[in-house]
PDB file of N, CA and C in Angstrom:
ATOM      1  N   UNK A   1      22.714 -22.540 -22.102  1.00  0.00           N
ATOM      2  CA  UNK A   1      22.723 -22.223 -20.674  1.00  0.00           C
ATOM      3  C   UNK A   1      22.583 -23.490 -19.848  1.00  0.00           C
ATOM      4  N   UNK A   2      22.715 -24.632 -20.483  1.00  0.00           N
ATOM      5  CA  UNK A   2      22.578 -25.906 -19.764  1.00  0.00           C
ATOM      6  C   UNK A   2      23.783 -26.140 -18.856  1.00  0.00           C
ATOM      7  N   UNK A   3      24.895 -25.479 -19.159  1.00  0.00           N
ATOM      8  CA  UNK A   3      26.104 -25.670 -18.358  1.00  0.00           C
ATOM      9  C   UNK A   3      26.035 -24.901 -17.044  1.00  0.00           C
ATOM     10  N   UNK A   4      25.053 -24.024 -16.904  1.00  0.00           N
ATOM     11  CA  UNK A   4      24.952 -23.203 -15.694  1.00  0.00           C
ATOM     12  C   UNK A   4      24.080 -23.886 -14.642  1.00  0.00           C
ATOM     13  N   UNK A   5      23.609 -25.099 -14.940  1.00  0.00           N
ATOM     14  CA  UNK A   5      22.723 -25.807 -14.011  1.00  0.00           C
ATOM     15  C   UNK A   5      23.423 -26.082 -12.687  1.00  0.00           C
ATOM     16  N   UNK A   6      24.723 -26.418 -12.739  1.00  0.00           N
ATOM     17  CA  UNK A   6      25.438 -26.765 -11.516  1.00  0.00           C
ATOM     18  C   UNK A   6      25.811 -25.530 -10.699  1.00  0.00           C
ATOM     19  N   UNK A   7      25.554 -24.351 -11.239  1.00  0.00           N
ATOM     20  CA  UNK A   7      25.885 -23.117 -10.515  1.00  0.00           C
ATOM     21  C   UNK A   7      24.672 -22.648  -9.712  1.00  0.00           C
ATOM     22  N   UNK A   8      24.848 -22.459  -8.395  1.00  0.00           N
ATOM     23  CA  UNK A   8      23.751 -22.002  -7.535  1.00  0.00           C
ATOM     24  C   UNK A   8      23.159 -20.687  -8.037  1.00  0.00           C
ATOM     25  N   UNK A   9      21.841 -20.578  -7.974  1.00  0.00           N
ATOM     26  CA  UNK A   9      21.200 -19.346  -8.458  1.00  0.00           C
ATOM     27  C   UNK A   9      21.634 -18.149  -7.621  1.00  0.00           C
ATOM     28  N   UNK A  10      21.813 -18.356  -6.328  1.00  0.00           N
ATOM     29  CA  UNK A  10      22.232 -17.240  -5.455  1.00  0.00           C
ATOM     30  C   UNK A  10      23.576 -16.704  -5.916  1.00  0.00           C
ATOM     31  N   UNK A  11      24.529 -17.608  -6.125  1.00  0.00           N
ATOM     32  CA  UNK A  11      25.863 -17.180  -6.549  1.00  0.00           C
ATOM     33  C   UNK A  11      25.788 -16.494  -7.906  1.00  0.00           C
ATOM     34  N   UNK A  12      24.994 -17.054  -8.801  1.00  0.00           N
ATOM     35  CA  UNK A  12      24.873 -16.475 -10.142  1.00  0.00           C
ATOM     36  C   UNK A  12      24.300 -15.061 -10.067  1.00  0.00           C
ATOM     37  N   UNK A  13      23.223 -14.903  -9.306  1.00  0.00           N
ATOM     38  CA  UNK A  13      22.596 -13.580  -9.189  1.00  0.00           C
ATOM     39  C   UNK A  13      23.532 -12.587  -8.513  1.00  0.00           C
ATOM     40  N   UNK A  14      24.198 -13.026  -7.441  1.00  0.00           N
ATOM     41  CA  UNK A  14      25.124 -12.129  -6.730  1.00  0.00           C
ATOM     42  C   UNK A  14      26.259 -11.704  -7.652  1.00  0.00           C
ATOM     43  N   UNK A  15      26.772 -12.667  -8.411  1.00  0.00           N
ATOM     44  CA  UNK A  15      27.873 -12.359  -9.332  1.00  0.00           C
ATOM     45  C   UNK A  15      27.410 -11.394 -10.412  1.00  0.00           C
ATOM     46  N   UNK A  16      26.221 -11.650 -10.958  1.00  0.00           N
ATOM     47  CA  UNK A  16      25.696 -10.765 -12.008  1.00  0.00           C
ATOM     48  C   UNK A  16      25.527  -9.355 -11.472  1.00  0.00           C
ATOM     49  N   UNK A  17      24.958  -9.235 -10.275  1.00  0.00           N
ATOM     50  CA  UNK A  17      24.748  -7.912  -9.680  1.00  0.00           C
ATOM     51  C   UNK A  17      26.084  -7.221  -9.445  1.00  0.00           C
ATOM     52  N   UNK A  18      27.054  -7.969  -8.932  1.00  0.00           N
ATOM     53  CA  UNK A  18      28.372  -7.400  -8.661  1.00  0.00           C
ATOM     54  C   UNK A  18      29.030  -6.923  -9.950  1.00  0.00           C
ATOM     55  N   UNK A  19      28.958  -7.760 -10.983  1.00  0.00           N
ATOM     56  CA  UNK A  19      29.570  -7.396 -12.261  1.00  0.00           C
ATOM     57  C   UNK A  19      28.879  -6.170 -12.854  1.00  0.00           C
ATOM     58  N   UNK A  20      27.569  -6.107 -12.733  1.00  0.00           N
ATOM     59  CA  UNK A  20      26.829  -4.968 -13.284  1.00  0.00           C
ATOM     60  C   UNK A  20      27.226  -3.680 -12.570  1.00  0.00           C
ATOM     61  N   UNK A  21      27.509  -3.786 -11.277  1.00  0.00           N
ATOM     62  CA  UNK A  21      27.886  -2.592 -10.510  1.00  0.00           C
ATOM     63  C   UNK A  21      29.339  -2.208 -10.794  1.00  0.00           C
ATOM     64  N   UNK A  22      30.221  -3.199 -10.807  1.00  0.00           N
ATOM     65  CA  UNK A  22      31.652  -2.924 -10.993  1.00  0.00           C
ATOM     66  C   UNK A  22      31.978  -2.601 -12.454  1.00  0.00           C
ATOM     67  N   UNK A  23      31.742  -3.568 -13.347  1.00  0.00           N
ATOM     68  CA  UNK A  23      32.079  -3.365 -14.764  1.00  0.00           C
ATOM     69  C   UNK A  23      31.150  -4.183 -15.645  1.00  0.00           C
ATOM     70  N   UNK A  24      30.029  -3.608 -16.047  1.00  0.00           N
ATOM     71  CA  UNK A  24      29.022  -4.316 -16.858  1.00  0.00           C
ATOM     72  C   UNK A  24      29.625  -4.915 -18.121  1.00  0.00           C
ATOM     73  N   UNK A  25      30.321  -4.122 -18.904  1.00  0.00           N
ATOM     74  CA  UNK A  25      30.870  -4.617 -20.179  1.00  0.00           C
ATOM     75  C   UNK A  25      31.897  -5.711 -19.933  1.00  0.00           C
ATOM     76  N   UNK A  26      32.819  -5.475 -19.021  1.00  0.00           N
ATOM     77  CA  UNK A  26      33.851  -6.482 -18.735  1.00  0.00           C
ATOM     78  C   UNK A  26      33.215  -7.737 -18.157  1.00  0.00           C
ATOM     79  N   UNK A  27      32.224  -7.563 -17.294  1.00  0.00           N
ATOM     80  CA  UNK A  27      31.550  -8.711 -16.681  1.00  0.00           C
ATOM     81  C   UNK A  27      30.910  -9.598 -17.736  1.00  0.00           C
ATOM     82  N   UNK A  28      30.203  -8.988 -18.658  1.00  0.00           N
ATOM     83  CA  UNK A  28      29.551  -9.766 -19.719  1.00  0.00           C
ATOM     84  C   UNK A  28      30.604 -10.497 -20.536  1.00  0.00           C
ATOM     85  N   UNK A  29      31.715  -9.842 -20.809  1.00  0.00           N
ATOM     86  CA  UNK A  29      32.787 -10.469 -21.590  1.00  0.00           C
ATOM     87  C   UNK A  29      33.364 -11.664 -20.850  1.00  0.00           C
ATOM     88  N   UNK A  30      33.558 -11.522 -19.531  1.00  0.00           N
ATOM     89  CA  UNK A  30      34.112 -12.629 -18.748  1.00  0.00           C
ATOM     90  C   UNK A  30      33.163 -13.813 -18.746  1.00  0.00           C
ATOM     91  N   UNK A  31      31.873 -13.536 -18.521  1.00  0.00           N
ATOM     92  CA  UNK A  31      30.893 -14.634 -18.486  1.00  0.00           C
ATOM     93  C   UNK A  31      30.827 -15.323 -19.842  1.00  0.00           C
ATOM     94  N   UNK A  32      30.861 -14.531 -20.921  1.00  0.00           N
ATOM     95  CA  UNK A  32      30.787 -15.111 -22.270  1.00  0.00           C
ATOM     96  C   UNK A  32      32.045 -15.933 -22.535  1.00  0.00           C
ATOM     97  N   UNK A  33      33.186 -15.477 -22.002  1.00  0.00           N
ATOM     98  CA  UNK A  33      34.446 -16.195 -22.222  1.00  0.00           C
ATOM     99  C   UNK A  33      34.508 -17.477 -21.408  1.00  0.00           C
ATOM    100  N   UNK A  34      33.836 -17.511 -20.246  1.00  0.00           N
ATOM    101  CA  UNK A  34      33.869 -18.711 -19.394  1.00  0.00           C
ATOM    102  C   UNK A  34      33.181 -19.881 -20.073  1.00  0.00           C
ATOM    103  N   UNK A  35      32.236 -19.589 -20.977  1.00  0.00           N
ATOM    104  CA  UNK A  35      31.549 -20.673 -21.684  1.00  0.00           C
ATOM    105  C   UNK A  35      32.592 -21.455 -22.444  1.00  0.00           C
TER     106      UNK A  35
END
């Protein structure tokens, strides 16, 4: 998770919340794929 340091916590939390509301499974897959 060291690569997420440059990502603002606000954006990260907002994105996580949005993904959880829209598509939890797909969201997790996208985040895992972005690594």
